[in-house]
Amino acid sequence: MASPQRIGSSGTKVLSSVILALGILIVIRTLVAGGGPASLGVLLGLIFAAIGAGRLYLAMRRRPA
């Protein structure tokens, strides 16, 4: 059975990947619907993508104890 710490680390990576993917999809959907580069959907999508990518980077960088 996996340790709780390892399960938490895997969950963080999965959730971070989902948030990153959602951000990218929000940007794509907004641009396809005719939104411009400064529209709310693009800005929110970029924020989601940045948060997801940043958290994923930190989770991958951390060394297991």
PDB file of N, CA and C in Angstrom:
ATOM      1  N   MET A   1       0.848  -1.181   0.000  1.00  0.00           N
ATOM      2  CA  MET A   1       0.000   0.000   0.000  1.00  0.00           C
ATOM      3  C   MET A   1       0.892   1.242   0.000  1.00  0.00           C
ATOM      4  N   ALA A   2       0.516   2.221  -0.796  1.00  0.00           N
ATOM      5  CA  ALA A   2       1.300   3.442  -0.911  1.00  0.00           C
ATOM      6  C   ALA A   2       1.155   4.294   0.340  1.00  0.00           C
ATOM      7  N   SER A   3       2.211   5.025   0.648  1.00  0.00           N
ATOM      8  CA  SER A   3       2.174   5.882   1.822  1.00  0.00           C
ATOM      9  C   SER A   3       1.261   7.085   1.554  1.00  0.00           C
ATOM     10  N   PRO A   4       0.679   7.656   2.605  1.00  0.00           N
ATOM     11  CA  PRO A   4      -0.181   8.830   2.426  1.00  0.00           C
ATOM     12  C   PRO A   4       0.554   9.995   1.761  1.00  0.00           C
ATOM     13  N   GLN A   5       1.832  10.134   2.048  1.00  0.00           N
ATOM     14  CA  GLN A   5       2.608  11.214   1.444  1.00  0.00           C
ATOM     15  C   GLN A   5       2.723  11.021  -0.069  1.00  0.00           C
ATOM     16  N   ARG A   6       2.921   9.787  -0.499  1.00  0.00           N
ATOM     17  CA  ARG A   6       3.039   9.511  -1.932  1.00  0.00           C
ATOM     18  C   ARG A   6       1.698   9.700  -2.643  1.00  0.00           C
ATOM     19  N   ILE A   7       0.607   9.308  -1.982  1.00  0.00           N
ATOM     20  CA  ILE A   7      -0.724   9.501  -2.558  1.00  0.00           C
ATOM     21  C   ILE A   7      -1.017  10.988  -2.711  1.00  0.00           C
ATOM     22  N   GLY A   8      -0.660  11.769  -1.694  1.00  0.00           N
ATOM     23  CA  GLY A   8      -0.873  13.217  -1.761  1.00  0.00           C
ATOM     24  C   GLY A   8      -0.076  13.863  -2.870  1.00  0.00           C
ATOM     25  N   SER A   9       1.154  13.403  -3.055  1.00  0.00           N
ATOM     26  CA  SER A   9       2.000  13.943  -4.105  1.00  0.00           C
ATOM     27  C   SER A   9       1.430  13.622  -5.492  1.00  0.00           C
ATOM     28  N   SER A  10       0.934  12.413  -5.655  1.00  0.00           N
ATOM     29  CA  SER A  10       0.325  12.027  -6.940  1.00  0.00           C
ATOM     30  C   SER A  10      -0.945  12.819  -7.197  1.00  0.00           C
ATOM     31  N   GLY A  11      -1.734  13.004  -6.151  1.00  0.00           N
ATOM     32  CA  GLY A  11      -2.968  13.785  -6.288  1.00  0.00           C
ATOM     33  C   GLY A  11      -2.684  15.225  -6.673  1.00  0.00           C
ATOM     34  N   THR A  12      -1.627  15.801  -6.104  1.00  0.00           N
ATOM     35  CA  THR A  12      -1.241  17.170  -6.440  1.00  0.00           C
ATOM     36  C   THR A  12      -0.851  17.270  -7.907  1.00  0.00           C
ATOM     37  N   LYS A  13      -0.106  16.296  -8.396  1.00  0.00           N
ATOM     38  CA  LYS A  13       0.323  16.317  -9.795  1.00  0.00           C
ATOM     39  C   LYS A  13      -0.865  16.181 -10.740  1.00  0.00           C
ATOM     40  N   VAL A  14      -1.804  15.304 -10.389  1.00  0.00           N
ATOM     41  CA  VAL A  14      -2.988  15.108 -11.234  1.00  0.00           C
ATOM     42  C   VAL A  14      -3.837  16.370 -11.256  1.00  0.00           C
ATOM     43  N   LEU A  15      -4.106  16.942 -10.090  1.00  0.00           N
ATOM     44  CA  LEU A  15      -4.942  18.137 -10.014  1.00  0.00           C
ATOM     45  C   LEU A  15      -4.271  19.313 -10.721  1.00  0.00           C
ATOM     46  N   SER A  16      -2.981  19.445 -10.576  1.00  0.00           N
ATOM     47  CA  SER A  16      -2.254  20.517 -11.258  1.00  0.00           C
ATOM     48  C   SER A  16      -2.345  20.363 -12.773  1.00  0.00           C
ATOM     49  N   SER A  17      -2.238  19.135 -13.253  1.00  0.00           N
ATOM     50  CA  SER A  17      -2.356  18.878 -14.691  1.00  0.00           C
ATOM     51  C   SER A  17      -3.752  19.206 -15.202  1.00  0.00           C
ATOM     52  N   VAL A  18      -4.768  18.880 -14.406  1.00  0.00           N
ATOM     53  CA  VAL A  18      -6.151  19.186 -14.792  1.00  0.00           C
ATOM     54  C   VAL A  18      -6.364  20.694 -14.862  1.00  0.00           C
ATOM     55  N   ILE A  19      -5.847  21.435 -13.879  1.00  0.00           N
ATOM     56  CA  ILE A  19      -5.995  22.889 -13.872  1.00  0.00           C
ATOM     57  C   ILE A  19      -5.265  23.496 -15.066  1.00  0.00           C
ATOM     58  N   LEU A  20      -4.089  23.002 -15.377  1.00  0.00           N
ATOM     59  CA  LEU A  20      -3.341  23.473 -16.546  1.00  0.00           C
ATOM     60  C   LEU A  20      -4.125  23.226 -17.833  1.00  0.00           C
ATOM     61  N   ALA A  21      -4.663  22.026 -17.976  1.00  0.00           N
ATOM     62  CA  ALA A  21      -5.447  21.692 -19.175  1.00  0.00           C
ATOM     63  C   ALA A  21      -6.707  22.559 -19.274  1.00  0.00           C
ATOM     64  N   LEU A  22      -7.375  22.789 -18.153  1.00  0.00           N
ATOM     65  CA  LEU A  22      -8.562  23.646 -18.170  1.00  0.00           C
ATOM     66  C   LEU A  22      -8.208  25.059 -18.616  1.00  0.00           C
ATOM     67  N   GLY A  23      -7.099  25.572 -18.137  1.00  0.00           N
ATOM     68  CA  GLY A  23      -6.672  26.908 -18.544  1.00  0.00           C
ATOM     69  C   GLY A  23      -6.442  26.995 -20.041  1.00  0.00           C
ATOM     70  N   ILE A  24      -5.776  25.997 -20.593  1.00  0.00           N
ATOM     71  CA  ILE A  24      -5.522  25.983 -22.036  1.00  0.00           C
ATOM     72  C   ILE A  24      -6.833  25.880 -22.807  1.00  0.00           C
ATOM     73  N   LEU A  25      -7.738  25.031 -22.328  1.00  0.00           N
ATOM     74  CA  LEU A  25      -9.037  24.888 -22.998  1.00  0.00           C
ATOM     75  C   LEU A  25      -9.867  26.162 -22.927  1.00  0.00           C
ATOM     76  N   ILE A  26      -9.798  26.882 -21.823  1.00  0.00           N
ATOM     77  CA  ILE A  26     -10.529  28.151 -21.697  1.00  0.00           C
ATOM     78  C   ILE A  26     -10.003  29.152 -22.719  1.00  0.00           C
ATOM     79  N   VAL A  27      -8.692  29.225 -22.868  1.00  0.00           N
ATOM     80  CA  VAL A  27      -8.101  30.146 -23.847  1.00  0.00           C
ATOM     81  C   VAL A  27      -8.535  29.769 -25.261  1.00  0.00           C
ATOM     82  N   ILE A  28      -8.446  28.493 -25.597  1.00  0.00           N
ATOM     83  CA  ILE A  28      -8.830  28.044 -26.935  1.00  0.00           C
ATOM     84  C   ILE A  28     -10.301  28.330 -27.202  1.00  0.00           C
ATOM     85  N   ARG A  29     -11.154  27.994 -26.246  1.00  0.00           N
ATOM     86  CA  ARG A  29     -12.599  28.199 -26.406  1.00  0.00           C
ATOM     87  C   ARG A  29     -12.929  29.676 -26.590  1.00  0.00           C
ATOM     88  N   THR A  30     -12.256  30.528 -25.843  1.00  0.00           N
ATOM     89  CA  THR A  30     -12.505  31.965 -25.951  1.00  0.00           C
ATOM     90  C   THR A  30     -12.082  32.490 -27.317  1.00  0.00           C
ATOM     91  N   LEU A  31     -10.922  32.059 -27.787  1.00  0.00           N
ATOM     92  CA  LEU A  31     -10.454  32.532 -29.096  1.00  0.00           C
ATOM     93  C   LEU A  31     -11.329  32.008 -30.230  1.00  0.00           C
ATOM     94  N   VAL A  32     -11.793  30.759 -30.124  1.00  0.00           N
ATOM     95  CA  VAL A  32     -12.665  30.198 -31.156  1.00  0.00           C
ATOM     96  C   VAL A  32     -14.003  30.940 -31.197  1.00  0.00           C
ATOM     97  N   ALA A  33     -14.477  31.370 -30.030  1.00  0.00           N
ATOM     98  CA  ALA A  33     -15.760  32.077 -29.957  1.00  0.00           C
ATOM     99  C   ALA A  33     -15.641  33.539 -30.386  1.00  0.00           C
ATOM    100  N   GLY A  34     -14.443  33.991 -30.713  1.00  0.00           N
ATOM    101  CA  GLY A  34     -14.277  35.348 -31.217  1.00  0.00           C
ATOM    102  C   GLY A  34     -13.735  36.333 -30.199  1.00  0.00           C
ATOM    103  N   GLY A  35     -13.288  35.862 -29.069  1.00  0.00           N
ATOM    104  CA  GLY A  35     -12.714  36.758 -28.066  1.00  0.00           C
ATOM    105  C   GLY A  35     -11.334  37.238 -28.485  1.00  0.00           C
ATOM    106  N   GLY A  36     -11.012  38.439 -28.086  1.00  0.00           N
ATOM    107  CA  GLY A  36      -9.705  38.996 -28.412  1.00  0.00           C
ATOM    108  C   GLY A  36      -8.671  38.627 -27.365  1.00  0.00           C
ATOM    109  N   PRO A  37      -7.440  39.045 -27.597  1.00  0.00           N
ATOM    110  CA  PRO A  37      -6.358  38.696 -26.688  1.00  0.00           C
ATOM    111  C   PRO A  37      -6.528  39.277 -25.274  1.00  0.00           C
ATOM    112  N   ALA A  38      -7.274  40.342 -25.135  1.00  0.00           N
ATOM    113  CA  ALA A  38      -7.459  40.963 -23.815  1.00  0.00           C
ATOM    114  C   ALA A  38      -8.821  40.629 -23.215  1.00  0.00           C
ATOM    115  N   SER A  39      -9.513  39.650 -23.751  1.00  0.00           N
ATOM    116  CA  SER A  39     -10.830  39.306 -23.221  1.00  0.00           C
ATOM    117  C   SER A  39     -10.700  38.559 -21.901  1.00  0.00           C
ATOM    118  N   LEU A  40     -11.783  38.557 -21.147  1.00  0.00           N
ATOM    119  CA  LEU A  40     -11.786  37.946 -19.820  1.00  0.00           C
ATOM    120  C   LEU A  40     -11.458  36.455 -19.888  1.00  0.00           C
ATOM    121  N   GLY A  41     -11.981  35.746 -20.865  1.00  0.00           N
ATOM    122  CA  GLY A  41     -11.725  34.315 -20.984  1.00  0.00           C
ATOM    123  C   GLY A  41     -10.255  34.002 -21.205  1.00  0.00           C
ATOM    124  N   VAL A  42      -9.599  34.792 -22.034  1.00  0.00           N
ATOM    125  CA  VAL A  42      -8.176  34.578 -22.285  1.00  0.00           C
ATOM    126  C   VAL A  42      -7.374  34.862 -21.021  1.00  0.00           C
ATOM    127  N   LEU A  43      -7.701  35.950 -20.347  1.00  0.00           N
ATOM    128  CA  LEU A  43      -6.965  36.298 -19.132  1.00  0.00           C
ATOM    129  C   LEU A  43      -7.156  35.243 -18.039  1.00  0.00           C
ATOM    130  N   LEU A  44      -8.388  34.788 -17.829  1.00  0.00           N
ATOM    131  CA  LEU A  44      -8.638  33.757 -16.830  1.00  0.00           C
ATOM    132  C   LEU A  44      -7.971  32.438 -17.221  1.00  0.00           C
ATOM    133  N   GLY A  45      -8.023  32.107 -18.491  1.00  0.00           N
ATOM    134  CA  GLY A  45      -7.376  30.884 -18.960  1.00  0.00           C
ATOM    135  C   GLY A  45      -5.872  30.915 -18.737  1.00  0.00           C
ATOM    136  N   LEU A  46      -5.265  32.064 -18.991  1.00  0.00           N
ATOM    137  CA  LEU A  46      -3.829  32.193 -18.767  1.00  0.00           C
ATOM    138  C   LEU A  46      -3.489  32.099 -17.277  1.00  0.00           C
ATOM    139  N   ILE A  47      -4.345  32.668 -16.441  1.00  0.00           N
ATOM    140  CA  ILE A  47      -4.124  32.569 -14.989  1.00  0.00           C
ATOM    141  C   ILE A  47      -4.229  31.112 -14.540  1.00  0.00           C
ATOM    142  N   PHE A  48      -5.259  30.413 -14.992  1.00  0.00           N
ATOM    143  CA  PHE A  48      -5.415  28.998 -14.641  1.00  0.00           C
ATOM    144  C   PHE A  48      -4.204  28.195 -15.113  1.00  0.00           C
ATOM    145  N   ALA A  49      -3.787  28.435 -16.354  1.00  0.00           N
ATOM    146  CA  ALA A  49      -2.652  27.694 -16.902  1.00  0.00           C
ATOM    147  C   ALA A  49      -1.375  27.982 -16.116  1.00  0.00           C
ATOM    148  N   ALA A  50      -1.167  29.229 -15.738  1.00  0.00           N
ATOM    149  CA  ALA A  50       0.033  29.588 -14.980  1.00  0.00           C
ATOM    150  C   ALA A  50       0.023  28.948 -13.595  1.00  0.00           C
ATOM    151  N   ILE A  51      -1.135  28.958 -12.940  1.00  0.00           N
ATOM    152  CA  ILE A  51      -1.233  28.350 -11.614  1.00  0.00           C
ATOM    153  C   ILE A  51      -0.989  26.839 -11.709  1.00  0.00           C
ATOM    154  N   GLY A  52      -1.616  26.187 -12.676  1.00  0.00           N
ATOM    155  CA  GLY A  52      -1.437  24.751 -12.844  1.00  0.00           C
ATOM    156  C   GLY A  52      -0.003  24.391 -13.181  1.00  0.00           C
ATOM    157  N   ALA A  53       0.607  25.148 -14.084  1.00  0.00           N
ATOM    158  CA  ALA A  53       1.988  24.866 -14.479  1.00  0.00           C
ATOM    159  C   ALA A  53       2.954  25.122 -13.322  1.00  0.00           C
ATOM    160  N   GLY A  54       2.717  26.194 -12.587  1.00  0.00           N
ATOM    161  CA  GLY A  54       3.587  26.506 -11.455  1.00  0.00           C
ATOM    162  C   GLY A  54       3.515  25.446 -10.378  1.00  0.00           C
ATOM    163  N   ARG A  55       2.305  25.014 -10.061  1.00  0.00           N
ATOM    164  CA  ARG A  55       2.142  23.995  -9.021  1.00  0.00           C
ATOM    165  C   ARG A  55       2.718  22.650  -9.478  1.00  0.00           C
ATOM    166  N   LEU A  56       2.533  22.328 -10.749  1.00  0.00           N
ATOM    167  CA  LEU A  56       3.101  21.091 -11.291  1.00  0.00           C
ATOM    168  C   LEU A  56       4.627  21.136 -11.259  1.00  0.00           C
ATOM    169  N   TYR A  57       5.189  22.280 -11.602  1.00  0.00           N
ATOM    170  CA  TYR A  57       6.641  22.443 -11.556  1.00  0.00           C
ATOM    171  C   TYR A  57       7.165  22.244 -10.139  1.00  0.00           C
ATOM    172  N   LEU A  58       6.501  22.860  -9.163  1.00  0.00           N
ATOM    173  CA  LEU A  58       6.943  22.716  -7.776  1.00  0.00           C
ATOM    174  C   LEU A  58       6.787  21.277  -7.278  1.00  0.00           C
ATOM    175  N   ALA A  59       5.731  20.606  -7.694  1.00  0.00           N
ATOM    176  CA  ALA A  59       5.512  19.217  -7.266  1.00  0.00           C
ATOM    177  C   ALA A  59       6.558  18.285  -7.888  1.00  0.00           C
ATOM    178  N   MET A  60       6.952  18.530  -9.113  1.00  0.00           N
ATOM    179  CA  MET A  60       7.941  17.696  -9.778  1.00  0.00           C
ATOM    180  C   MET A  60       9.345  17.970  -9.251  1.00  0.00           C
ATOM    181  N   ARG A  61       9.589  19.195  -8.823  1.00  0.00           N
ATOM    182  CA  ARG A  61      10.892  19.603  -8.345  1.00  0.00           C
ATOM    183  C   ARG A  61      11.199  19.063  -6.960  1.00  0.00           C
ATOM    184  N   ARG A  62      10.166  18.904  -6.157  1.00  0.00           N
ATOM    185  CA  ARG A  62      10.337  18.440  -4.785  1.00  0.00           C
ATOM    186  C   ARG A  62      10.837  17.011  -4.770  1.00  0.00           C
ATOM    187  N   ARG A  63      11.841  16.748  -3.982  1.00  0.00           N
ATOM    188  CA  ARG A  63      12.407  15.408  -3.884  1.00  0.00           C
ATOM    189  C   ARG A  63      11.640  14.602  -2.847  1.00  0.00           C
ATOM    190  N   PRO A  64      11.368  13.353  -3.139  1.00  0.00           N
ATOM    191  CA  PRO A  64      10.707  12.521  -2.125  1.00  0.00           C
ATOM    192  C   PRO A  64      11.645  12.285  -0.948  1.00  0.00           C
ATOM    193  N   ALA A  65      11.050  12.255   0.236  1.00  0.00           N
ATOM    194  CA  ALA A  65      11.858  12.080   1.455  1.00  0.00           C
ATOM    195  C   ALA A  65      12.223  10.627   1.675  1.00  0.00           C
TER     196      ALA A  65
END
